[in-house]
Amino acid sequence: MQKDTWPLPSTVPLASNPALGGGRLPSMSGIPNKSETGHRAFPKPHRRPSMSRVILEAVADKGARHCVSLPTLKKAVTTMGYNMARNTWRFKRVLKGLADKGMLKQVTGKGLSGSFRIGKKQASKSKPKLKRRQPL
């Protein structure tokens, strides 16, 4: 019986010889890879919103007068798909940055603990601008 495959030359490895394919072999799993089809076999999932945007939306949902506690903010970020065990340092950095910029105001507590509400800068941005009518 004949073999289905042809023997490879033993002196030159296939991956280093561009004339023999240059290491581009068809996938063994049967799923075409990017080089064969020109696009990804599995498209990337949609990106989630930034952590600062999630925090600002959570505070804005409560309203300008109401405060949002730190555990509530963590829960809001977790529900958007962030792993808080791995991203705690990022959460703290973003929260401190928003407080320093004036977009959030810390109402109670010291450091990053306590409650937060929308700051003056964020409140002025969220007001809708009135469109002026042009005279006829």
C-alpha atoms as a PDB file:
ATOM      1  CA  MET A   1       0.000   0.000   0.000  1.00  0.00           C
ATOM      2  CA  GLN A   2       1.087   3.544  -0.640  1.00  0.00           C
ATOM      3  CA  LYS A   3       1.280   6.185   2.048  1.00  0.00           C
ATOM      4  CA  ASP A   4      -0.928   9.233   1.710  1.00  0.00           C
ATOM      5  CA  THR A   5       1.843  11.616   2.704  1.00  0.00           C
ATOM      6  CA  TRP A   6       5.061  12.278   0.838  1.00  0.00           C
ATOM      7  CA  PRO A   7       8.337  12.089   2.726  1.00  0.00           C
ATOM      8  CA  LEU A   8       9.903  15.353   3.893  1.00  0.00           C
ATOM      9  CA  PRO A   9      13.576  15.998   3.108  1.00  0.00           C
ATOM     10  CA  SER A  10      15.501  15.322   6.267  1.00  0.00           C
ATOM     11  CA  THR A  11      18.175  17.964   5.669  1.00  0.00           C
ATOM     12  CA  VAL A  12      15.923  21.028   5.513  1.00  0.00           C
ATOM     13  CA  PRO A  13      13.162  21.599   8.072  1.00  0.00           C
ATOM     14  CA  LEU A  14       9.811  22.636   6.629  1.00  0.00           C
ATOM     15  CA  ALA A  15       9.312  25.682   8.852  1.00  0.00           C
ATOM     16  CA  SER A  16      12.534  27.361   7.719  1.00  0.00           C
ATOM     17  CA  ASN A  17      12.100  26.707   3.993  1.00  0.00           C
ATOM     18  CA  PRO A  18       9.724  29.269   2.418  1.00  0.00           C
ATOM     19  CA  ALA A  19       9.540  27.299  -0.817  1.00  0.00           C
ATOM     20  CA  LEU A  20       7.951  24.383   1.019  1.00  0.00           C
ATOM     21  CA  GLY A  21       5.305  26.409   2.795  1.00  0.00           C
ATOM     22  CA  GLY A  22       7.276  28.462   5.309  1.00  0.00           C
ATOM     23  CA  GLY A  23       5.594  26.937   8.330  1.00  0.00           C
ATOM     24  CA  ARG A  24       2.044  27.645   7.150  1.00  0.00           C
ATOM     25  CA  LEU A  25       0.374  24.302   7.563  1.00  0.00           C
ATOM     26  CA  PRO A  26      -3.371  23.789   7.524  1.00  0.00           C
ATOM     27  CA  SER A  27      -4.806  23.483  10.977  1.00  0.00           C
ATOM     28  CA  MET A  28      -5.235  20.004  12.346  1.00  0.00           C
ATOM     29  CA  SER A  29      -8.558  20.788  14.009  1.00  0.00           C
ATOM     30  CA  GLY A  30     -10.304  21.487  10.731  1.00  0.00           C
ATOM     31  CA  ILE A  31     -11.048  25.110  11.631  1.00  0.00           C
ATOM     32  CA  PRO A  32      -9.347  27.465   9.167  1.00  0.00           C
ATOM     33  CA  ASN A  33      -6.971  29.933  10.734  1.00  0.00           C
ATOM     34  CA  LYS A  34      -6.554  33.611   9.850  1.00  0.00           C
ATOM     35  CA  SER A  35      -3.856  33.076   7.223  1.00  0.00           C
ATOM     36  CA  GLU A  36      -6.035  30.655   5.270  1.00  0.00           C
ATOM     37  CA  THR A  37      -9.262  32.647   5.194  1.00  0.00           C
ATOM     38  CA  GLY A  38      -8.116  36.252   5.544  1.00  0.00           C
ATOM     39  CA  HIS A  39     -10.249  36.891   8.640  1.00  0.00           C
ATOM     40  CA  ARG A  40     -10.529  35.492  12.125  1.00  0.00           C
ATOM     41  CA  ALA A  41     -12.223  32.154  12.637  1.00  0.00           C
ATOM     42  CA  PHE A  42     -13.695  33.432  15.905  1.00  0.00           C
ATOM     43  CA  PRO A  43     -14.429  37.180  15.896  1.00  0.00           C
ATOM     44  CA  LYS A  44     -13.438  39.226  18.907  1.00  0.00           C
ATOM     45  CA  PRO A  45     -16.242  39.889  21.378  1.00  0.00           C
ATOM     46  CA  HIS A  46     -17.496  43.446  21.750  1.00  0.00           C
ATOM     47  CA  ARG A  47     -15.426  45.666  23.990  1.00  0.00           C
ATOM     48  CA  ARG A  48     -16.892  46.596  27.317  1.00  0.00           C
ATOM     49  CA  PRO A  49     -17.042  50.239  28.397  1.00  0.00           C
ATOM     50  CA  SER A  50     -14.137  51.754  30.276  1.00  0.00           C
ATOM     51  CA  MET A  51     -14.101  51.455  34.032  1.00  0.00           C
ATOM     52  CA  SER A  52     -14.373  55.215  34.512  1.00  0.00           C
ATOM     53  CA  ARG A  53     -17.454  55.317  32.286  1.00  0.00           C
ATOM     54  CA  VAL A  54     -19.075  52.490  34.286  1.00  0.00           C
ATOM     55  CA  ILE A  55     -18.373  54.311  37.564  1.00  0.00           C
ATOM     56  CA  LEU A  56     -19.743  57.618  36.273  1.00  0.00           C
ATOM     57  CA  GLU A  57     -22.886  55.946  34.912  1.00  0.00           C
ATOM     58  CA  ALA A  58     -23.476  54.175  38.242  1.00  0.00           C
ATOM     59  CA  VAL A  59     -23.212  57.469  40.128  1.00  0.00           C
ATOM     60  CA  ALA A  60     -25.307  59.333  37.557  1.00  0.00           C
ATOM     61  CA  ASP A  61     -28.101  56.757  37.793  1.00  0.00           C
ATOM     62  CA  LYS A  62     -28.549  57.607  41.453  1.00  0.00           C
ATOM     63  CA  GLY A  63     -28.864  61.316  40.709  1.00  0.00           C
ATOM     64  CA  ALA A  64     -26.938  64.421  41.714  1.00  0.00           C
ATOM     65  CA  ARG A  65     -28.208  64.496  45.301  1.00  0.00           C
ATOM     66  CA  HIS A  66     -27.725  60.837  46.179  1.00  0.00           C
ATOM     67  CA  CYS A  67     -24.476  59.192  47.184  1.00  0.00           C
ATOM     68  CA  VAL A  68     -23.118  55.862  46.017  1.00  0.00           C
ATOM     69  CA  SER A  69     -21.019  53.733  48.342  1.00  0.00           C
ATOM     70  CA  LEU A  70     -17.782  52.001  47.404  1.00  0.00           C
ATOM     71  CA  PRO A  71     -19.287  48.463  47.499  1.00  0.00           C
ATOM     72  CA  THR A  72     -22.093  49.612  45.186  1.00  0.00           C
ATOM     73  CA  LEU A  73     -19.552  50.962  42.714  1.00  0.00           C
ATOM     74  CA  LYS A  74     -17.593  47.697  42.873  1.00  0.00           C
ATOM     75  CA  LYS A  75     -20.775  45.737  42.216  1.00  0.00           C
ATOM     76  CA  ALA A  76     -21.601  47.929  39.216  1.00  0.00           C
ATOM     77  CA  VAL A  77     -18.139  47.375  37.750  1.00  0.00           C
ATOM     78  CA  THR A  78     -18.377  43.627  38.388  1.00  0.00           C
ATOM     79  CA  THR A  79     -21.726  43.373  36.604  1.00  0.00           C
ATOM     80  CA  MET A  80     -20.163  44.949  33.509  1.00  0.00           C
ATOM     81  CA  GLY A  81     -17.731  42.024  33.256  1.00  0.00           C
ATOM     82  CA  TYR A  82     -14.650  43.204  35.118  1.00  0.00           C
ATOM     83  CA  ASN A  83     -12.930  40.750  37.446  1.00  0.00           C
ATOM     84  CA  MET A  84     -12.493  42.736  40.652  1.00  0.00           C
ATOM     85  CA  ALA A  85     -10.011  40.258  42.094  1.00  0.00           C
ATOM     86  CA  ARG A  86      -7.612  41.114  39.275  1.00  0.00           C
ATOM     87  CA  ASN A  87      -8.606  44.752  38.669  1.00  0.00           C
ATOM     88  CA  THR A  88      -8.795  46.152  42.201  1.00  0.00           C
ATOM     89  CA  TRP A  89      -5.697  48.287  41.646  1.00  0.00           C
ATOM     90  CA  ARG A  90      -7.174  49.660  38.410  1.00  0.00           C
ATOM     91  CA  PHE A  91     -10.486  50.417  40.129  1.00  0.00           C
ATOM     92  CA  LYS A  92      -8.718  52.360  42.881  1.00  0.00           C
ATOM     93  CA  ARG A  93      -6.589  54.288  40.392  1.00  0.00           C
ATOM     94  CA  VAL A  94      -9.601  55.222  38.242  1.00  0.00           C
ATOM     95  CA  LEU A  95     -11.670  56.244  41.261  1.00  0.00           C
ATOM     96  CA  LYS A  96      -8.864  58.423  42.625  1.00  0.00           C
ATOM     97  CA  GLY A  97      -8.360  59.994  39.198  1.00  0.00           C
ATOM     98  CA  LEU A  98     -12.054  60.844  38.859  1.00  0.00           C
ATOM     99  CA  ALA A  99     -12.063  62.384  42.329  1.00  0.00           C
ATOM    100  CA  ASP A 100      -8.922  64.420  41.576  1.00  0.00           C
ATOM    101  CA  LYS A 101     -10.355  65.706  38.288  1.00  0.00           C
ATOM    102  CA  GLY A 102     -13.521  66.835  40.056  1.00  0.00           C
ATOM    103  CA  MET A 103     -15.851  64.523  38.179  1.00  0.00           C
ATOM    104  CA  LEU A 104     -16.671  62.712  41.426  1.00  0.00           C
ATOM    105  CA  LYS A 105     -16.912  64.215  44.868  1.00  0.00           C
ATOM    106  CA  GLN A 106     -16.206  62.172  47.969  1.00  0.00           C
ATOM    107  CA  VAL A 107     -18.924  62.872  50.489  1.00  0.00           C
ATOM    108  CA  THR A 108     -17.900  60.605  53.380  1.00  0.00           C
ATOM    109  CA  GLY A 109     -14.830  58.629  54.340  1.00  0.00           C
ATOM    110  CA  LYS A 110     -11.084  58.997  53.888  1.00  0.00           C
ATOM    111  CA  GLY A 111      -8.925  57.728  51.073  1.00  0.00           C
ATOM    112  CA  LEU A 112     -10.999  55.685  48.663  1.00  0.00           C
ATOM    113  CA  SER A 113     -13.542  54.439  51.176  1.00  0.00           C
ATOM    114  CA  GLY A 114     -16.847  56.122  51.750  1.00  0.00           C
ATOM    115  CA  SER A 115     -19.515  57.485  49.449  1.00  0.00           C
ATOM    116  CA  PHE A 116     -19.292  59.418  46.220  1.00  0.00           C
ATOM    117  CA  ARG A 117     -21.547  61.631  44.146  1.00  0.00           C
ATOM    118  CA  ILE A 118     -21.250  63.547  40.900  1.00  0.00           C
ATOM    119  CA  GLY A 119     -18.839  66.448  41.074  1.00  0.00           C
ATOM    120  CA  LYS A 120     -19.323  69.931  39.693  1.00  0.00           C
ATOM    121  CA  LYS A 121     -17.432  69.264  36.463  1.00  0.00           C
ATOM    122  CA  GLN A 122     -19.501  66.199  35.616  1.00  0.00           C
ATOM    123  CA  ALA A 123     -22.770  67.926  36.555  1.00  0.00           C
ATOM    124  CA  SER A 124     -22.065  70.799  34.179  1.00  0.00           C
ATOM    125  CA  LYS A 125     -21.209  68.378  31.350  1.00  0.00           C
ATOM    126  CA  SER A 126     -24.368  66.342  31.774  1.00  0.00           C
ATOM    127  CA  LYS A 127     -26.767  69.284  31.339  1.00  0.00           C
ATOM    128  CA  PRO A 128     -28.197  69.313  27.826  1.00  0.00           C
ATOM    129  CA  LYS A 129     -27.417  72.361  25.743  1.00  0.00           C
ATOM    130  CA  LEU A 130     -30.392  74.301  24.476  1.00  0.00           C
ATOM    131  CA  LYS A 131     -30.556  74.759  20.750  1.00  0.00           C
ATOM    132  CA  ARG A 132     -31.350  78.245  19.614  1.00  0.00           C
ATOM    133  CA  ARG A 133     -33.893  78.737  16.938  1.00  0.00           C
ATOM    134  CA  GLN A 134     -32.693  80.570  13.925  1.00  0.00           C
ATOM    135  CA  PRO A 135     -34.850  83.491  12.858  1.00  0.00           C
ATOM    136  CA  LEU A 136     -36.921  82.933   9.753  1.00  0.00           C
END
